[in-house]
Amino acid sequence: MAGAVLEVMRRQHVFDASLFGSLLPAEAWDRVPEERLKELLAAAPSFRPPPLK
Protein backbone atom coordinates (compact mmCIF):
# COMPACT_ATOMS: atom_id res chain seq x y z
CA MET A 1 0.00 0.00 0.00
CA ALA A 2 2.77 2.45 0.90
CA GLY A 3 4.50 1.64 -2.39
CA ALA A 4 1.36 2.58 -4.32
CA VAL A 5 1.08 5.86 -2.44
CA LEU A 6 4.71 6.68 -3.18
CA GLU A 7 4.19 5.91 -6.86
CA VAL A 8 1.16 8.22 -7.00
CA MET A 9 3.17 10.95 -5.28
CA ARG A 10 6.05 10.46 -7.73
CA ARG A 11 3.70 10.65 -10.71
CA GLN A 12 2.05 13.77 -9.30
CA HIS A 13 5.46 15.40 -8.88
CA VAL A 14 6.43 14.54 -12.47
CA PHE A 15 3.08 15.77 -13.79
CA ASP A 16 3.41 19.04 -11.86
CA ALA A 17 6.91 19.47 -13.27
CA SER A 18 5.63 18.88 -16.80
CA LEU A 19 2.94 21.53 -16.39
CA PHE A 20 5.48 24.01 -15.04
CA GLY A 21 7.79 23.07 -17.89
CA SER A 22 5.24 24.29 -20.42
CA LEU A 23 5.96 27.78 -19.11
CA LEU A 24 9.71 27.49 -19.67
CA PRO A 25 11.47 28.97 -22.69
CA ALA A 26 12.95 26.58 -25.28
CA GLU A 27 16.50 27.26 -24.05
CA ALA A 28 15.60 25.83 -20.64
CA TRP A 29 14.20 22.67 -22.24
CA ASP A 30 17.47 22.24 -24.12
CA ARG A 31 19.28 21.82 -20.77
CA VAL A 32 16.99 19.07 -19.44
CA PRO A 33 18.72 15.65 -19.43
CA GLU A 34 17.28 13.26 -22.03
CA GLU A 35 15.99 10.69 -19.51
CA ARG A 36 14.25 13.37 -17.43
CA LEU A 37 12.75 14.86 -20.58
CA LYS A 38 11.25 11.48 -21.52
CA GLU A 39 9.78 11.17 -18.02
CA LEU A 40 8.25 14.66 -18.17
CA LEU A 41 6.80 14.15 -21.64
CA ALA A 42 5.30 10.80 -20.61
CA ALA A 43 3.55 12.43 -17.64
CA ALA A 44 2.20 15.41 -19.56
CA PRO A 45 -1.06 15.26 -21.46
CA SER A 46 -0.42 15.24 -25.18
CA PHE A 47 -2.72 16.93 -27.65
CA ARG A 48 -0.56 16.00 -30.63
CA PRO A 49 -2.24 13.91 -33.30
CA PRO A 50 -0.84 10.38 -33.65
CA PRO A 51 2.04 10.09 -36.14
CA LEU A 52 1.11 9.16 -39.69
CA LYS A 53 2.31 5.79 -40.92
PDB file of N, CA and C in Angstrom:
ATOM      1  N   MET A   1       0.829  -1.192   0.000  1.00  0.00           N
ATOM      2  CA  MET A   1       0.000   0.000   0.000  1.00  0.00           C
ATOM      3  C   MET A   1       0.874   1.257   0.000  1.00  0.00           C
ATOM      4  N   ALA A   2       1.889   1.281   0.839  1.00  0.00           N
ATOM      5  CA  ALA A   2       2.766   2.452   0.901  1.00  0.00           C
ATOM      6  C   ALA A   2       3.492   2.649  -0.422  1.00  0.00           C
ATOM      7  N   GLY A   3       3.846   1.546  -1.091  1.00  0.00           N
ATOM      8  CA  GLY A   3       4.505   1.641  -2.395  1.00  0.00           C
ATOM      9  C   GLY A   3       3.607   2.301  -3.428  1.00  0.00           C
ATOM     10  N   ALA A   4       2.312   1.977  -3.382  1.00  0.00           N
ATOM     11  CA  ALA A   4       1.361   2.576  -4.323  1.00  0.00           C
ATOM     12  C   ALA A   4       1.216   4.071  -4.060  1.00  0.00           C
ATOM     13  N   VAL A   5       1.186   4.445  -2.798  1.00  0.00           N
ATOM     14  CA  VAL A   5       1.079   5.864  -2.439  1.00  0.00           C
ATOM     15  C   VAL A   5       2.313   6.619  -2.908  1.00  0.00           C
ATOM     16  N   LEU A   6       3.477   6.029  -2.722  1.00  0.00           N
ATOM     17  CA  LEU A   6       4.709   6.681  -3.178  1.00  0.00           C
ATOM     18  C   LEU A   6       4.732   6.827  -4.694  1.00  0.00           C
ATOM     19  N   GLU A   7       4.230   5.825  -5.395  1.00  0.00           N
ATOM     20  CA  GLU A   7       4.186   5.906  -6.862  1.00  0.00           C
ATOM     21  C   GLU A   7       3.242   7.024  -7.310  1.00  0.00           C
ATOM     22  N   VAL A   8       2.101   7.139  -6.667  1.00  0.00           N
ATOM     23  CA  VAL A   8       1.162   8.216  -6.995  1.00  0.00           C
ATOM     24  C   VAL A   8       1.807   9.571  -6.725  1.00  0.00           C
ATOM     25  N   MET A   9       2.509   9.687  -5.612  1.00  0.00           N
ATOM     26  CA  MET A   9       3.172  10.952  -5.277  1.00  0.00           C
ATOM     27  C   MET A   9       4.259  11.271  -6.308  1.00  0.00           C
ATOM     28  N   ARG A  10       5.002  10.254  -6.739  1.00  0.00           N
ATOM     29  CA  ARG A  10       6.053  10.465  -7.733  1.00  0.00           C
ATOM     30  C   ARG A  10       5.441  10.927  -9.051  1.00  0.00           C
ATOM     31  N   ARG A  11       4.357  10.262  -9.458  1.00  0.00           N
ATOM     32  CA  ARG A  11       3.701  10.650 -10.712  1.00  0.00           C
ATOM     33  C   ARG A  11       3.134  12.061 -10.623  1.00  0.00           C
ATOM     34  N   GLN A  12       2.581  12.416  -9.476  1.00  0.00           N
ATOM     35  CA  GLN A  12       2.046  13.773  -9.297  1.00  0.00           C
ATOM     36  C   GLN A  12       3.168  14.799  -9.406  1.00  0.00           C
ATOM     37  N   HIS A  13       4.307  14.497  -8.816  1.00  0.00           N
ATOM     38  CA  HIS A  13       5.457  15.397  -8.882  1.00  0.00           C
ATOM     39  C   HIS A  13       5.921  15.569 -10.326  1.00  0.00           C
ATOM     40  N   VAL A  14       6.006  14.483 -11.066  1.00  0.00           N
ATOM     41  CA  VAL A  14       6.433  14.536 -12.469  1.00  0.00           C
ATOM     42  C   VAL A  14       5.404  15.309 -13.292  1.00  0.00           C
ATOM     43  N   PHE A  15       4.127  15.064 -13.047  1.00  0.00           N
ATOM     44  CA  PHE A  15       3.080  15.767 -13.786  1.00  0.00           C
ATOM     45  C   PHE A  15       3.134  17.264 -13.494  1.00  0.00           C
ATOM     46  N   ASP A  16       3.291  17.631 -12.226  1.00  0.00           N
ATOM     47  CA  ASP A  16       3.409  19.045 -11.862  1.00  0.00           C
ATOM     48  C   ASP A  16       4.605  19.684 -12.559  1.00  0.00           C
ATOM     49  N   ALA A  17       5.703  18.961 -12.606  1.00  0.00           N
ATOM     50  CA  ALA A  17       6.906  19.471 -13.269  1.00  0.00           C
ATOM     51  C   ALA A  17       6.659  19.656 -14.758  1.00  0.00           C
ATOM     52  N   SER A  18       5.897  18.748 -15.368  1.00  0.00           N
ATOM     53  CA  SER A  18       5.628  18.879 -16.802  1.00  0.00           C
ATOM     54  C   SER A  18       4.743  20.084 -17.080  1.00  0.00           C
ATOM     55  N   LEU A  19       3.784  20.353 -16.196  1.00  0.00           N
ATOM     56  CA  LEU A  19       2.940  21.529 -16.389  1.00  0.00           C
ATOM     57  C   LEU A  19       3.752  22.803 -16.234  1.00  0.00           C
ATOM     58  N   PHE A  20       4.611  22.849 -15.232  1.00  0.00           N
ATOM     59  CA  PHE A  20       5.481  24.007 -15.040  1.00  0.00           C
ATOM     60  C   PHE A  20       6.411  24.164 -16.232  1.00  0.00           C
ATOM     61  N   GLY A  21       6.873  23.047 -16.761  1.00  0.00           N
ATOM     62  CA  GLY A  21       7.785  23.073 -17.895  1.00  0.00           C
ATOM     63  C   GLY A  21       7.184  23.716 -19.132  1.00  0.00           C
ATOM     64  N   SER A  22       5.865  23.659 -19.252  1.00  0.00           N
ATOM     65  CA  SER A  22       5.238  24.286 -20.417  1.00  0.00           C
ATOM     66  C   SER A  22       5.398  25.798 -20.391  1.00  0.00           C
ATOM     67  N   LEU A  23       5.753  26.336 -19.239  1.00  0.00           N
ATOM     68  CA  LEU A  23       5.965  27.776 -19.108  1.00  0.00           C
ATOM     69  C   LEU A  23       7.411  28.180 -19.363  1.00  0.00           C
ATOM     70  N   LEU A  24       8.288  27.197 -19.508  1.00  0.00           N
ATOM     71  CA  LEU A  24       9.713  27.490 -19.675  1.00  0.00           C
ATOM     72  C   LEU A  24      10.045  27.823 -21.127  1.00  0.00           C
ATOM     73  N   PRO A  25      11.025  28.699 -21.329  1.00  0.00           N
ATOM     74  CA  PRO A  25      11.472  28.969 -22.693  1.00  0.00           C
ATOM     75  C   PRO A  25      12.209  27.758 -23.270  1.00  0.00           C
ATOM     76  N   ALA A  26      12.318  27.712 -24.584  1.00  0.00           N
ATOM     77  CA  ALA A  26      12.947  26.578 -25.278  1.00  0.00           C
ATOM     78  C   ALA A  26      14.379  26.350 -24.805  1.00  0.00           C
ATOM     79  N   GLU A  27      15.106  27.413 -24.490  1.00  0.00           N
ATOM     80  CA  GLU A  27      16.504  27.262 -24.052  1.00  0.00           C
ATOM     81  C   GLU A  27      16.586  26.441 -22.761  1.00  0.00           C
ATOM     82  N   ALA A  28      15.613  26.600 -21.893  1.00  0.00           N
ATOM     83  CA  ALA A  28      15.605  25.828 -20.644  1.00  0.00           C
ATOM     84  C   ALA A  28      15.361  24.350 -20.936  1.00  0.00           C
ATOM     85  N   TRP A  29      14.468  24.062 -21.874  1.00  0.00           N
ATOM     86  CA  TRP A  29      14.200  22.671 -22.236  1.00  0.00           C
ATOM     87  C   TRP A  29      15.441  22.011 -22.822  1.00  0.00           C
ATOM     88  N   ASP A  30      16.251  22.783 -23.517  1.00  0.00           N
ATOM     89  CA  ASP A  30      17.475  22.239 -24.116  1.00  0.00           C
ATOM     90  C   ASP A  30      18.460  21.725 -23.069  1.00  0.00           C
ATOM     91  N   ARG A  31      18.348  22.216 -21.841  1.00  0.00           N
ATOM     92  CA  ARG A  31      19.285  21.823 -20.771  1.00  0.00           C
ATOM     93  C   ARG A  31      18.772  20.646 -19.940  1.00  0.00           C
ATOM     94  N   VAL A  32      17.560  20.191 -20.197  1.00  0.00           N
ATOM     95  CA  VAL A  32      16.991  19.066 -19.438  1.00  0.00           C
ATOM     96  C   VAL A  32      17.633  17.771 -19.936  1.00  0.00           C
ATOM     97  N   PRO A  33      18.138  16.934 -19.012  1.00  0.00           N
ATOM     98  CA  PRO A  33      18.724  15.649 -19.430  1.00  0.00           C
ATOM     99  C   PRO A  33      17.689  14.798 -20.181  1.00  0.00           C
ATOM    100  N   GLU A  34      18.150  14.037 -21.158  1.00  0.00           N
ATOM    101  CA  GLU A  34      17.281  13.256 -22.034  1.00  0.00           C
ATOM    102  C   GLU A  34      16.333  12.329 -21.258  1.00  0.00           C
ATOM    103  N   GLU A  35      16.840  11.612 -20.264  1.00  0.00           N
ATOM    104  CA  GLU A  35      15.986  10.691 -19.505  1.00  0.00           C
ATOM    105  C   GLU A  35      14.899  11.440 -18.745  1.00  0.00           C
ATOM    106  N   ARG A  36      15.243  12.573 -18.173  1.00  0.00           N
ATOM    107  CA  ARG A  36      14.255  13.373 -17.434  1.00  0.00           C
ATOM    108  C   ARG A  36      13.221  13.938 -18.398  1.00  0.00           C
ATOM    109  N   LEU A  37      13.660  14.334 -19.583  1.00  0.00           N
ATOM    110  CA  LEU A  37      12.750  14.862 -20.584  1.00  0.00           C
ATOM    111  C   LEU A  37      11.720  13.800 -20.980  1.00  0.00           C
ATOM    112  N   LYS A  38      12.171  12.569 -21.179  1.00  0.00           N
ATOM    113  CA  LYS A  38      11.246  11.477 -21.516  1.00  0.00           C
ATOM    114  C   LYS A  38      10.219  11.279 -20.409  1.00  0.00           C
ATOM    115  N   GLU A  39      10.670  11.343 -19.164  1.00  0.00           N
ATOM    116  CA  GLU A  39       9.778  11.173 -18.017  1.00  0.00           C
ATOM    117  C   GLU A  39       8.732  12.295 -17.974  1.00  0.00           C
ATOM    118  N   LEU A  40       9.172  13.517 -18.195  1.00  0.00           N
ATOM    119  CA  LEU A  40       8.250  14.655 -18.166  1.00  0.00           C
ATOM    120  C   LEU A  40       7.240  14.581 -19.312  1.00  0.00           C
ATOM    121  N   LEU A  41       7.701  14.241 -20.498  1.00  0.00           N
ATOM    122  CA  LEU A  41       6.796  14.149 -21.638  1.00  0.00           C
ATOM    123  C   LEU A  41       5.793  13.015 -21.468  1.00  0.00           C
ATOM    124  N   ALA A  42       6.214  11.919 -20.837  1.00  0.00           N
ATOM    125  CA  ALA A  42       5.304  10.795 -20.606  1.00  0.00           C
ATOM    126  C   ALA A  42       4.210  11.164 -19.598  1.00  0.00           C
ATOM    127  N   ALA A  43       4.517  12.052 -18.663  1.00  0.00           N
ATOM    128  CA  ALA A  43       3.551  12.433 -17.637  1.00  0.00           C
ATOM    129  C   ALA A  43       2.595  13.516 -18.112  1.00  0.00           C
ATOM    130  N   ALA A  44       3.011  14.283 -19.096  1.00  0.00           N
ATOM    131  CA  ALA A  44       2.199  15.408 -19.560  1.00  0.00           C
ATOM    132  C   ALA A  44       1.109  14.937 -20.520  1.00  0.00           C
ATOM    133  N   PRO A  45      -0.040  15.591 -20.465  1.00  0.00           N
ATOM    134  CA  PRO A  45      -1.060  15.257 -21.460  1.00  0.00           C
ATOM    135  C   PRO A  45      -0.577  15.706 -22.838  1.00  0.00           C
ATOM    136  N   SER A  46      -0.856  14.910 -23.828  1.00  0.00           N
ATOM    137  CA  SER A  46      -0.421  15.242 -25.181  1.00  0.00           C
ATOM    138  C   SER A  46      -1.646  15.479 -26.058  1.00  0.00           C
ATOM    139  N   PHE A  47      -1.630  16.604 -26.741  1.00  0.00           N
ATOM    140  CA  PHE A  47      -2.716  16.929 -27.649  1.00  0.00           C
ATOM    141  C   PHE A  47      -2.244  16.830 -29.099  1.00  0.00           C
ATOM    142  N   ARG A  48      -1.083  16.210 -29.288  1.00  0.00           N
ATOM    143  CA  ARG A  48      -0.557  16.004 -30.633  1.00  0.00           C
ATOM    144  C   ARG A  48      -1.312  14.874 -31.309  1.00  0.00           C
ATOM    145  N   PRO A  49      -1.592  15.026 -32.597  1.00  0.00           N
ATOM    146  CA  PRO A  49      -2.236  13.908 -33.297  1.00  0.00           C
ATOM    147  C   PRO A  49      -1.249  12.745 -33.414  1.00  0.00           C
ATOM    148  N   PRO A  50      -1.748  11.523 -33.521  1.00  0.00           N
ATOM    149  CA  PRO A  50      -0.843  10.381 -33.655  1.00  0.00           C
ATOM    150  C   PRO A  50      -0.027  10.518 -34.934  1.00  0.00           C
ATOM    151  N   PRO A  51       1.198   9.981 -34.944  1.00  0.00           N
ATOM    152  CA  PRO A  51       2.035  10.086 -36.142  1.00  0.00           C
ATOM    153  C   PRO A  51       1.412   9.308 -37.307  1.00  0.00           C
ATOM    154  N   LEU A  52       1.594   9.839 -38.489  1.00  0.00           N
ATOM    155  CA  LEU A  52       1.112   9.162 -39.690  1.00  0.00           C
ATOM    156  C   LEU A  52       2.045   8.027 -40.048  1.00  0.00           C
ATOM    157  N   LYS A  53       1.485   6.950 -40.545  1.00  0.00           N
ATOM    158  CA  LYS A  53       2.309   5.790 -40.924  1.00  0.00           C
ATOM    159  C   LYS A  53       2.582   5.791 -42.390  1.00  0.00           C
TER     160      LYS A  53
END
